[in-house]
Amino acid sequence: FGSRPLPANAEEVTWEQAQADLRQGRYDLVLCLALFDLHTVQNW
């Protein structure tokens, strides 16, 4: 929050929450900003 406020159309989620939402098909897209992210999602 010292860098920027969290936008109104954004929310922080835990890893467990994200995994549950992924299993339930709640995301339309995963946006990767680093190669490690791409490696994480390669089988999603």
All heavy atoms as atom14 arrays in JSON, in Angstrom:
{
  "sequence": "FGSRPLPANAEEVTWEQAQADLRQGRYDLVLCLALFDLHTVQNW",
  "atom14_mask": [
    [1, 1, 1, 1, 1, 1, 1, 1, 1, 1, 1, 0, 0, 0],
    [1, 1, 1, 1, 0, 0, 0, 0, 0, 0, 0, 0, 0, 0],
    [1, 1, 1, 1, 1, 1, 0, 0, 0, 0, 0, 0, 0, 0],
    [1, 1, 1, 1, 1, 1, 1, 1, 1, 1, 1, 0, 0, 0],
    [1, 1, 1, 1, 1, 1, 1, 0, 0, 0, 0, 0, 0, 0],
    [1, 1, 1, 1, 1, 1, 1, 1, 0, 0, 0, 0, 0, 0],
    [1, 1, 1, 1, 1, 1, 1, 0, 0, 0, 0, 0, 0, 0],
    [1, 1, 1, 1, 1, 0, 0, 0, 0, 0, 0, 0, 0, 0],
    [1, 1, 1, 1, 1, 1, 1, 1, 0, 0, 0, 0, 0, 0],
    [1, 1, 1, 1, 1, 0, 0, 0, 0, 0, 0, 0, 0, 0],
    [1, 1, 1, 1, 1, 1, 1, 1, 1, 0, 0, 0, 0, 0],
    [1, 1, 1, 1, 1, 1, 1, 1, 1, 0, 0, 0, 0, 0],
    [1, 1, 1, 1, 1, 1, 1, 0, 0, 0, 0, 0, 0, 0],
    [1, 1, 1, 1, 1, 1, 1, 0, 0, 0, 0, 0, 0, 0],
    [1, 1, 1, 1, 1, 1, 1, 1, 1, 1, 1, 1, 1, 1],
    [1, 1, 1, 1, 1, 1, 1, 1, 1, 0, 0, 0, 0, 0],
    [1, 1, 1, 1, 1, 1, 1, 1, 1, 0, 0, 0, 0, 0],
    [1, 1, 1, 1, 1, 0, 0, 0, 0, 0, 0, 0, 0, 0],
    [1, 1, 1, 1, 1, 1, 1, 1, 1, 0, 0, 0, 0, 0],
    [1, 1, 1, 1, 1, 0, 0, 0, 0, 0, 0, 0, 0, 0],
    [1, 1, 1, 1, 1, 1, 1, 1, 0, 0, 0, 0, 0, 0],
    [1, 1, 1, 1, 1, 1, 1, 1, 0, 0, 0, 0, 0, 0],
    [1, 1, 1, 1, 1, 1, 1, 1, 1, 1, 1, 0, 0, 0],
    [1, 1, 1, 1, 1, 1, 1, 1, 1, 0, 0, 0, 0, 0],
    [1, 1, 1, 1, 0, 0, 0, 0, 0, 0, 0, 0, 0, 0],
    [1, 1, 1, 1, 1, 1, 1, 1, 1, 1, 1, 0, 0, 0],
    [1, 1, 1, 1, 1, 1, 1, 1, 1, 1, 1, 1, 0, 0],
    [1, 1, 1, 1, 1, 1, 1, 1, 0, 0, 0, 0, 0, 0],
    [1, 1, 1, 1, 1, 1, 1, 1, 0, 0, 0, 0, 0, 0],
    [1, 1, 1, 1, 1, 1, 1, 0, 0, 0, 0, 0, 0, 0],
    [1, 1, 1, 1, 1, 1, 1, 1, 0, 0, 0, 0, 0, 0],
    [1, 1, 1, 1, 1, 1, 0, 0, 0, 0, 0, 0, 0, 0],
    [1, 1, 1, 1, 1, 1, 1, 1, 0, 0, 0, 0, 0, 0],
    [1, 1, 1, 1, 1, 0, 0, 0, 0, 0, 0, 0, 0, 0],
    [1, 1, 1, 1, 1, 1, 1, 1, 0, 0, 0, 0, 0, 0],
    [1, 1, 1, 1, 1, 1, 1, 1, 1, 1, 1, 0, 0, 0],
    [1, 1, 1, 1, 1, 1, 1, 1, 0, 0, 0, 0, 0, 0],
    [1, 1, 1, 1, 1, 1, 1, 1, 0, 0, 0, 0, 0, 0],
    [1, 1, 1, 1, 1, 1, 1, 1, 1, 1, 0, 0, 0, 0],
    [1, 1, 1, 1, 1, 1, 1, 0, 0, 0, 0, 0, 0, 0],
    [1, 1, 1, 1, 1, 1, 1, 0, 0, 0, 0, 0, 0, 0],
    [1, 1, 1, 1, 1, 1, 1, 1, 1, 0, 0, 0, 0, 0],
    [1, 1, 1, 1, 1, 1, 1, 1, 0, 0, 0, 0, 0, 0],
    [1, 1, 1, 1, 1, 1, 1, 1, 1, 1, 1, 1, 1, 1]
  ],
  "atom14_positions": [
    [[0.82, -1.21, 0.0], [0.0, 0.0, 0.0], [0.85, 1.26, 0.0], [0.35, 2.34, -0.31], [-0.96, -0.01, 1.19], [-2.09, -0.99, 1.02], [-1.99, -2.27, 1.54], [-3.23, -0.65, 0.31], [-3.01, -3.18, 1.37], [-4.26, -1.55, 0.14], [-4.16, -2.83, 0.67], [0.0, 0.0, 0.0], [0.0, 0.0, 0.0], [0.0, 0.0, 0.0]],
    [[2.12, 1.15, 0.33], [3.03, 2.29, 0.25], [3.36, 2.64, -1.18], [3.78, 3.75, -1.48], [0.0, 0.0, 0.0], [0.0, 0.0, 0.0], [0.0, 0.0, 0.0], [0.0, 0.0, 0.0], [0.0, 0.0, 0.0], [0.0, 0.0, 0.0], [0.0, 0.0, 0.0], [0.0, 0.0, 0.0], [0.0, 0.0, 0.0], [0.0, 0.0, 0.0]],
    [[3.17, 1.69, -2.08], [3.43, 1.91, -3.51], [2.2, 2.47, -4.21], [2.27, 3.48, -4.9], [3.83, 0.58, -4.16], [3.88, 0.71, -5.56], [0.0, 0.0, 0.0], [0.0, 0.0, 0.0], [0.0, 0.0, 0.0], [0.0, 0.0, 0.0], [0.0, 0.0, 0.0], [0.0, 0.0, 0.0], [0.0, 0.0, 0.0], [0.0, 0.0, 0.0]],
    [[1.08, 1.82, -4.03], [-0.18, 2.21, -4.67], [-1.34, 1.68, -3.84], [-1.23, 0.64, -3.21], [-0.33, 1.57, -6.07], [0.76, 1.86, -7.07], [0.5, 3.21, -7.74], [1.32, 3.44, -8.91], [2.62, 3.63, -8.94], [3.32, 3.54, -7.84], [3.26, 3.9, -10.06], [0.0, 0.0, 0.0], [0.0, 0.0, 0.0], [0.0, 0.0, 0.0]],
    [[-2.49, 2.37, -3.89], [-3.68, 1.78, -3.26], [-4.19, 0.62, -4.11], [-3.97, 0.59, -5.33], [-4.68, 2.93, -3.23], [-4.22, 3.88, -4.29], [-2.73, 3.69, -4.43], [0.0, 0.0, 0.0], [0.0, 0.0, 0.0], [0.0, 0.0, 0.0], [0.0, 0.0, 0.0], [0.0, 0.0, 0.0], [0.0, 0.0, 0.0], [0.0, 0.0, 0.0]],
    [[-4.84, -0.33, -3.48], [-5.44, -1.44, -4.21], [-6.63, -0.9, -4.99], [-7.51, -0.26, -4.41], [-5.89, -2.53, -3.23], [-6.39, -3.82, -3.82], [-5.27, -4.57, -4.54], [-6.97, -4.71, -2.73], [0.0, 0.0, 0.0], [0.0, 0.0, 0.0], [0.0, 0.0, 0.0], [0.0, 0.0, 0.0], [0.0, 0.0, 0.0], [0.0, 0.0, 0.0]],
    [[-6.68, -1.09, -6.31], [-7.8, -0.57, -7.09], [-9.14, -1.14, -6.62], [-9.21, -2.24, -6.09], [-7.48, -1.05, -8.52], [-6.01, -1.29, -8.52], [-5.67, -1.76, -7.14], [0.0, 0.0, 0.0], [0.0, 0.0, 0.0], [0.0, 0.0, 0.0], [0.0, 0.0, 0.0], [0.0, 0.0, 0.0], [0.0, 0.0, 0.0], [0.0, 0.0, 0.0]],
    [[-10.2, -0.4, -6.85], [-11.54, -0.8, -6.43], [-11.97, -2.1, -7.1], [-12.75, -2.86, -6.53], [-12.54, 0.31, -6.72], [0.0, 0.0, 0.0], [0.0, 0.0, 0.0], [0.0, 0.0, 0.0], [0.0, 0.0, 0.0], [0.0, 0.0, 0.0], [0.0, 0.0, 0.0], [0.0, 0.0, 0.0], [0.0, 0.0, 0.0], [0.0, 0.0, 0.0]],
    [[-11.48, -2.37, -8.3], [-11.86, -3.59, -9.03], [-10.82, -4.7, -8.85], [-10.71, -5.6, -9.67], [-12.08, -3.3, -10.51], [-10.88, -2.68, -11.18], [-10.16, -1.88, -10.59], [-10.67, -3.01, -12.43], [0.0, 0.0, 0.0], [0.0, 0.0, 0.0], [0.0, 0.0, 0.0], [0.0, 0.0, 0.0], [0.0, 0.0, 0.0], [0.0, 0.0, 0.0]],
    [[-10.1, -4.64, -7.72], [-9.12, -5.68, -7.4], [-9.29, -6.1, -5.94], [-9.77, -5.32, -5.12], [-7.7, -5.15, -7.63], [0.0, 0.0, 0.0], [0.0, 0.0, 0.0], [0.0, 0.0, 0.0], [0.0, 0.0, 0.0], [0.0, 0.0, 0.0], [0.0, 0.0, 0.0], [0.0, 0.0, 0.0], [0.0, 0.0, 0.0], [0.0, 0.0, 0.0]],
    [[-8.92, -7.33, -5.68], [-8.96, -7.85, -4.32], [-7.76, -8.76, -4.11], [-7.3, -9.42, -5.03], [-10.25, -8.65, -4.08], [-10.32, -9.9, -4.95], [-11.51, -10.78, -4.66], [-12.09, -10.68, -3.56], [-11.86, -11.56, -5.55], [0.0, 0.0, 0.0], [0.0, 0.0, 0.0], [0.0, 0.0, 0.0], [0.0, 0.0, 0.0], [0.0, 0.0, 0.0]],
    [[-7.25, -8.77, -2.89], [-6.21, -9.72, -2.54], [-6.86, -11.04, -2.19], [-7.88, -11.07, -1.5], [-5.4, -9.23, -1.34], [-4.37, -8.2, -1.66], [-3.46, -7.96, -0.47], [-3.89, -7.27, 0.46], [-2.32, -8.48, -0.49], [0.0, 0.0, 0.0], [0.0, 0.0, 0.0], [0.0, 0.0, 0.0], [0.0, 0.0, 0.0], [0.0, 0.0, 0.0]],
    [[-6.29, -12.13, -2.69], [-6.77, -13.46, -2.33], [-5.57, -14.3, -1.9], [-4.44, -14.06, -2.31], [-7.51, -14.16, -3.5], [-8.77, -13.39, -3.87], [-6.62, -14.35, -4.71], [0.0, 0.0, 0.0], [0.0, 0.0, 0.0], [0.0, 0.0, 0.0], [0.0, 0.0, 0.0], [0.0, 0.0, 0.0], [0.0, 0.0, 0.0], [0.0, 0.0, 0.0]],
    [[-5.84, -15.27, -1.06], [-4.8, -16.19, -0.63], [-4.58, -17.22, -1.73], [-5.4, -17.39, -2.63], [-5.2, -16.91, 0.66], [-6.34, -17.73, 0.38], [-5.48, -15.93, 1.79], [0.0, 0.0, 0.0], [0.0, 0.0, 0.0], [0.0, 0.0, 0.0], [0.0, 0.0, 0.0], [0.0, 0.0, 0.0], [0.0, 0.0, 0.0], [0.0, 0.0, 0.0]],
    [[-3.47, -17.93, -1.6], [-3.18, -19.01, -2.55], [-4.29, -20.07, -2.5], [-4.74, -20.56, -3.53], [-1.81, -19.61, -2.24], [-1.41, -20.64, -3.22], [-1.38, -21.98, -3.02], [-1.02, -20.45, -4.58], [-0.99, -22.63, -4.16], [-0.77, -21.71, -5.13], [-0.88, -19.32, -5.38], [-0.36, -21.88, -6.45], [-0.47, -19.48, -6.69], [-0.22, -20.75, -7.21]],
    [[-4.76, -20.38, -1.3], [-5.82, -21.39, -1.15], [-7.12, -20.94, -1.79], [-7.8, -21.72, -2.46], [-6.04, -21.71, 0.34], [-4.85, -22.38, 1.01], [-3.69, -21.44, 1.31], [-3.89, -20.2, 1.41], [-2.55, -21.95, 1.43], [0.0, 0.0, 0.0], [0.0, 0.0, 0.0], [0.0, 0.0, 0.0], [0.0, 0.0, 0.0], [0.0, 0.0, 0.0]],
    [[-7.46, -19.67, -1.62], [-8.68, -19.11, -2.23], [-8.57, -19.15, -3.76], [-9.5, -19.53, -4.45], [-8.89, -17.67, -1.77], [-9.95, -16.92, -2.55], [-11.32, -17.08, -1.95], [-11.47, -16.97, -0.75], [-12.3, -17.33, -2.78], [0.0, 0.0, 0.0], [0.0, 0.0, 0.0], [0.0, 0.0, 0.0], [0.0, 0.0, 0.0], [0.0, 0.0, 0.0]],
    [[-7.41, -18.76, -4.28], [-7.21, -18.78, -5.73], [-7.35, -20.19, -6.28], [-7.98, -20.4, -7.32], [-5.84, -18.19, -6.08], [0.0, 0.0, 0.0], [0.0, 0.0, 0.0], [0.0, 0.0, 0.0], [0.0, 0.0, 0.0], [0.0, 0.0, 0.0], [0.0, 0.0, 0.0], [0.0, 0.0, 0.0], [0.0, 0.0, 0.0], [0.0, 0.0, 0.0]],
    [[-6.77, -21.17, -5.6], [-6.86, -22.56, -6.04], [-8.31, -23.04, -6.04], [-8.75, -23.7, -6.99], [-6.02, -23.46, -5.13], [-4.52, -23.31, -5.32], [-4.08, -23.87, -6.65], [-4.26, -25.04, -6.93], [-3.5, -23.02, -7.46], [0.0, 0.0, 0.0], [0.0, 0.0, 0.0], [0.0, 0.0, 0.0], [0.0, 0.0, 0.0], [0.0, 0.0, 0.0]],
    [[-9.06, -22.71, -5.0], [-10.47, -23.1, -4.93], [-11.27, -22.44, -6.05], [-12.08, -23.1, -6.72], [-11.06, -22.72, -3.57], [0.0, 0.0, 0.0], [0.0, 0.0, 0.0], [0.0, 0.0, 0.0], [0.0, 0.0, 0.0], [0.0, 0.0, 0.0], [0.0, 0.0, 0.0], [0.0, 0.0, 0.0], [0.0, 0.0, 0.0], [0.0, 0.0, 0.0]],
    [[-11.02, -21.17, -6.3], [-11.72, -20.47, -7.37], [-11.36, -21.03, -8.74], [-12.2, -21.13, -9.63], [-11.43, -18.97, -7.31], [-12.12, -18.28, -6.14], [-13.02, -18.89, -5.52], [-11.75, -17.13, -5.85], [0.0, 0.0, 0.0], [0.0, 0.0, 0.0], [0.0, 0.0, 0.0], [0.0, 0.0, 0.0], [0.0, 0.0, 0.0], [0.0, 0.0, 0.0]],
    [[-10.1, -21.41, -8.92], [-9.67, -22.03, -10.18], [-10.4, -23.35, -10.4], [-10.9, -23.62, -11.5], [-8.17, -22.27, -10.19], [-7.31, -21.06, -10.53], [-5.87, -21.3, -10.1], [-7.39, -20.76, -12.02], [0.0, 0.0, 0.0], [0.0, 0.0, 0.0], [0.0, 0.0, 0.0], [0.0, 0.0, 0.0], [0.0, 0.0, 0.0], [0.0, 0.0, 0.0]],
    [[-10.47, -24.18, -9.37], [-11.15, -25.47, -9.49], [-12.62, -25.3, -9.86], [-13.2, -26.14, -10.54], [-11.03, -26.27, -8.19], [-9.67, -26.94, -8.01], [-9.68, -27.92, -6.85], [-9.95, -27.29, -5.57], [-9.04, -26.71, -4.79], [-7.78, -26.66, -5.18], [-9.38, -26.19, -3.64], [0.0, 0.0, 0.0], [0.0, 0.0, 0.0], [0.0, 0.0, 0.0]],
    [[-13.22, -24.22, -9.4], [-14.63, -23.97, -9.66], [-14.85, -23.16, -10.94], [-15.98, -22.78, -11.24], [-15.26, -23.28, -8.46], [-15.28, -24.18, -7.23], [-15.84, -23.49, -6.01], [-16.37, -22.4, -6.08], [-15.69, -24.14, -4.87], [0.0, 0.0, 0.0], [0.0, 0.0, 0.0], [0.0, 0.0, 0.0], [0.0, 0.0, 0.0], [0.0, 0.0, 0.0]],
    [[-13.78, -22.9, -11.69], [-13.9, -22.2, -12.97], [-14.27, -20.74, -12.86], [-14.92, -20.19, -13.75], [0.0, 0.0, 0.0], [0.0, 0.0, 0.0], [0.0, 0.0, 0.0], [0.0, 0.0, 0.0], [0.0, 0.0, 0.0], [0.0, 0.0, 0.0], [0.0, 0.0, 0.0], [0.0, 0.0, 0.0], [0.0, 0.0, 0.0], [0.0, 0.0, 0.0]],
    [[-13.86, -20.09, -11.8], [-14.25, -18.69, -11.57], [-13.38, -17.67, -12.28], [-13.68, -16.49, -12.22], [-14.29, -18.41, -10.08], [-15.38, -19.16, -9.38], [-15.59, -18.67, -7.97], [-16.71, -19.4, -7.4], [-16.75, -19.8, -6.15], [-15.75, -19.53, -5.34], [-17.79, -20.46, -5.69], [0.0, 0.0, 0.0], [0.0, 0.0, 0.0], [0.0, 0.0, 0.0]],
    [[-12.29, -18.11, -12.91], [-11.41, -17.16, -13.6], [-11.5, -17.37, -15.11], [-11.55, -18.49, -15.6], [-9.96, -17.31, -13.14], [-9.77, -16.93, -11.69], [-9.42, -17.87, -10.74], [-9.97, -15.61, -11.27], [-9.25, -17.52, -9.41], [-9.81, -15.27, -9.94], [-9.46, -16.22, -9.02], [-9.31, -15.87, -7.71], [0.0, 0.0, 0.0], [0.0, 0.0, 0.0]],
    [[-11.49, -16.25, -15.82], [-11.48, -16.28, -17.27], [-10.06, -16.27, -17.82], [-9.83, -16.68, -18.96], [-12.22, -15.04, -17.82], [-13.65, -14.98, -17.36], [-14.39, -15.94, -17.63], [-14.03, -13.99, -16.71], [0.0, 0.0, 0.0], [0.0, 0.0, 0.0], [0.0, 0.0, 0.0], [0.0, 0.0, 0.0], [0.0, 0.0, 0.0], [0.0, 0.0, 0.0]],
    [[-9.12, -15.78, -17.02], [-7.75, -15.58, -17.49], [-6.81, -15.53, -16.3], [-7.17, -15.02, -15.24], [-7.68, -14.24, -18.24], [-6.33, -13.79, -18.78], [-5.91, -14.66, -19.95], [-6.4, -12.33, -19.2], [0.0, 0.0, 0.0], [0.0, 0.0, 0.0], [0.0, 0.0, 0.0], [0.0, 0.0, 0.0], [0.0, 0.0, 0.0], [0.0, 0.0, 0.0]],
    [[-5.59, -16.06, -16.49], [-4.52, -15.88, -15.52], [-3.46, -15.01, -16.19], [-3.0, -15.31, -17.29], [-3.9, -17.23, -15.08], [-2.71, -16.98, -14.17], [-4.94, -18.09, -14.39], [0.0, 0.0, 0.0], [0.0, 0.0, 0.0], [0.0, 0.0, 0.0], [0.0, 0.0, 0.0], [0.0, 0.0, 0.0], [0.0, 0.0, 0.0], [0.0, 0.0, 0.0]],
    [[-3.13, -13.92, -15.53], [-2.13, -12.98, -16.04], [-0.82, -13.22, -15.31], [-0.74, -13.08, -14.09], [-2.62, -11.54, -15.82], [-1.71, -10.41, -16.26], [-1.39, -10.51, -17.75], [-2.36, -9.07, -15.94], [0.0, 0.0, 0.0], [0.0, 0.0, 0.0], [0.0, 0.0, 0.0], [0.0, 0.0, 0.0], [0.0, 0.0, 0.0], [0.0, 0.0, 0.0]],
    [[0.2, -13.64, -16.06], [1.52, -13.94, -15.52], [2.45, -12.76, -15.81], [2.52, -12.31, -16.95], [2.08, -15.21, -16.14], [1.05, -16.66, -15.87], [0.0, 0.0, 0.0], [0.0, 0.0, 0.0], [0.0, 0.0, 0.0], [0.0, 0.0, 0.0], [0.0, 0.0, 0.0], [0.0, 0.0, 0.0], [0.0, 0.0, 0.0], [0.0, 0.0, 0.0]],
    [[3.16, -12.31, -14.78], [4.07, -11.18, -14.94], [5.53, -11.57, -14.82], [6.41, -10.74, -14.98], [3.74, -10.1, -13.9], [2.3, -9.58, -13.92], [2.1, -8.55, -12.81], [1.95, -9.02, -15.27], [0.0, 0.0, 0.0], [0.0, 0.0, 0.0], [0.0, 0.0, 0.0], [0.0, 0.0, 0.0], [0.0, 0.0, 0.0], [0.0, 0.0, 0.0]],
    [[5.78, -12.84, -14.53], [7.16, -13.34, -14.39], [7.21, -14.76, -14.93], [6.2, -15.47, -14.95], [7.6, -13.31, -12.93], [0.0, 0.0, 0.0], [0.0, 0.0, 0.0], [0.0, 0.0, 0.0], [0.0, 0.0, 0.0], [0.0, 0.0, 0.0], [0.0, 0.0, 0.0], [0.0, 0.0, 0.0], [0.0, 0.0, 0.0], [0.0, 0.0, 0.0]],
    [[8.39, -15.18, -15.35], [8.55, -16.54, -15.87], [8.15, -17.59, -14.84], [7.61, -18.63, -15.19], [9.98, -16.76, -16.32], [10.36, -16.11, -17.64], [11.87, -16.16, -17.85], [9.64, -16.78, -18.79], [0.0, 0.0, 0.0], [0.0, 0.0, 0.0], [0.0, 0.0, 0.0], [0.0, 0.0, 0.0], [0.0, 0.0, 0.0], [0.0, 0.0, 0.0]],
    [[8.39, -17.3, -13.57], [8.02, -18.26, -12.53], [6.51, -18.45, -12.48], [6.03, -19.55, -12.21], [8.54, -17.79, -11.17], [10.03, -17.74, -11.12], [10.68, -16.53, -11.0], [10.8, -18.89, -11.21], [12.07, -16.46, -10.96], [12.19, -18.84, -11.17], [12.82, -17.63, -11.04], [0.0, 0.0, 0.0], [0.0, 0.0, 0.0], [0.0, 0.0, 0.0]],
    [[5.74, -17.39, -12.76], [4.28, -17.52, -12.82], [3.89, -18.46, -13.95], [3.03, -19.32, -13.8], [3.62, -16.17, -13.08], [3.93, -15.12, -12.04], [4.37, -15.49, -10.94], [3.73, -13.94, -12.35], [0.0, 0.0, 0.0], [0.0, 0.0, 0.0], [0.0, 0.0, 0.0], [0.0, 0.0, 0.0], [0.0, 0.0, 0.0], [0.0, 0.0, 0.0]],
    [[4.52, -18.27, -15.09], [4.23, -19.1, -16.25], [4.52, -20.57, -15.95], [3.75, -21.46, -16.32], [5.06, -18.62, -17.44], [4.59, -18.92, -18.83], [3.17, -18.44, -19.05], [5.52, -18.31, -19.85], [0.0, 0.0, 0.0], [0.0, 0.0, 0.0], [0.0, 0.0, 0.0], [0.0, 0.0, 0.0], [0.0, 0.0, 0.0], [0.0, 0.0, 0.0]],
    [[5.59, -20.81, -15.25], [5.93, -22.18, -14.84], [4.86, -22.73, -13.89], [4.44, -23.87, -14.0], [7.31, -22.2, -14.18], [7.76, -23.56, -13.82], [7.61, -24.06, -12.55], [8.35, -24.54, -14.55], [8.08, -25.29, -12.52], [8.53, -25.61, -13.71], [0.0, 0.0, 0.0], [0.0, 0.0, 0.0], [0.0, 0.0, 0.0], [0.0, 0.0, 0.0]],
    [[4.39, -21.9, -12.97], [3.37, -22.31, -12.0], [2.09, -22.74, -12.69], [1.45, -23.72, -12.3], [3.07, -21.16, -11.01], [4.25, -20.85, -10.28], [1.95, -21.53, -10.05], [0.0, 0.0, 0.0], [0.0, 0.0, 0.0], [0.0, 0.0, 0.0], [0.0, 0.0, 0.0], [0.0, 0.0, 0.0], [0.0, 0.0, 0.0], [0.0, 0.0, 0.0]],
    [[1.68, -22.03, -13.73], [0.36, -22.26, -14.35], [0.4, -23.16, -15.59], [-0.63, -23.35, -16.23], [-0.32, -20.92, -14.72], [-0.4, -20.02, -13.51], [0.4, -20.21, -15.87], [0.0, 0.0, 0.0], [0.0, 0.0, 0.0], [0.0, 0.0, 0.0], [0.0, 0.0, 0.0], [0.0, 0.0, 0.0], [0.0, 0.0, 0.0], [0.0, 0.0, 0.0]],
    [[1.56, -23.72, -15.92], [1.69, -24.43, -17.19], [0.69, -25.55, -17.39], [0.33, -25.86, -18.52], [3.11, -24.93, -17.37], [3.55, -26.01, -16.43], [5.01, -26.37, -16.61], [5.64, -25.96, -17.58], [5.56, -27.11, -15.67], [0.0, 0.0, 0.0], [0.0, 0.0, 0.0], [0.0, 0.0, 0.0], [0.0, 0.0, 0.0], [0.0, 0.0, 0.0]],
    [[0.18, -26.16, -16.33], [-0.77, -27.26, -16.47], [-2.19, -26.88, -16.06], [-3.05, -27.75, -15.95], [-0.3, -28.47, -15.65], [1.01, -29.0, -16.18], [1.2, -29.13, -17.38], [1.92, -29.29, -15.28], [0.0, 0.0, 0.0], [0.0, 0.0, 0.0], [0.0, 0.0, 0.0], [0.0, 0.0, 0.0], [0.0, 0.0, 0.0], [0.0, 0.0, 0.0]],
    [[-2.43, -25.62, -15.82], [-3.76, -25.18, -15.41], [-4.68, -25.12, -16.62], [-4.27, -24.73, -17.71], [-3.72, -23.82, -14.74], [-3.02, -23.8, -13.42], [-2.37, -24.83, -12.8], [-2.89, -22.69, -12.54], [-1.85, -24.42, -11.6], [-2.15, -23.12, -11.42], [-3.32, -21.38, -12.61], [-1.86, -22.26, -10.36], [-3.02, -20.53, -11.56], [-2.3, -20.97, -10.45]]
  ]
}
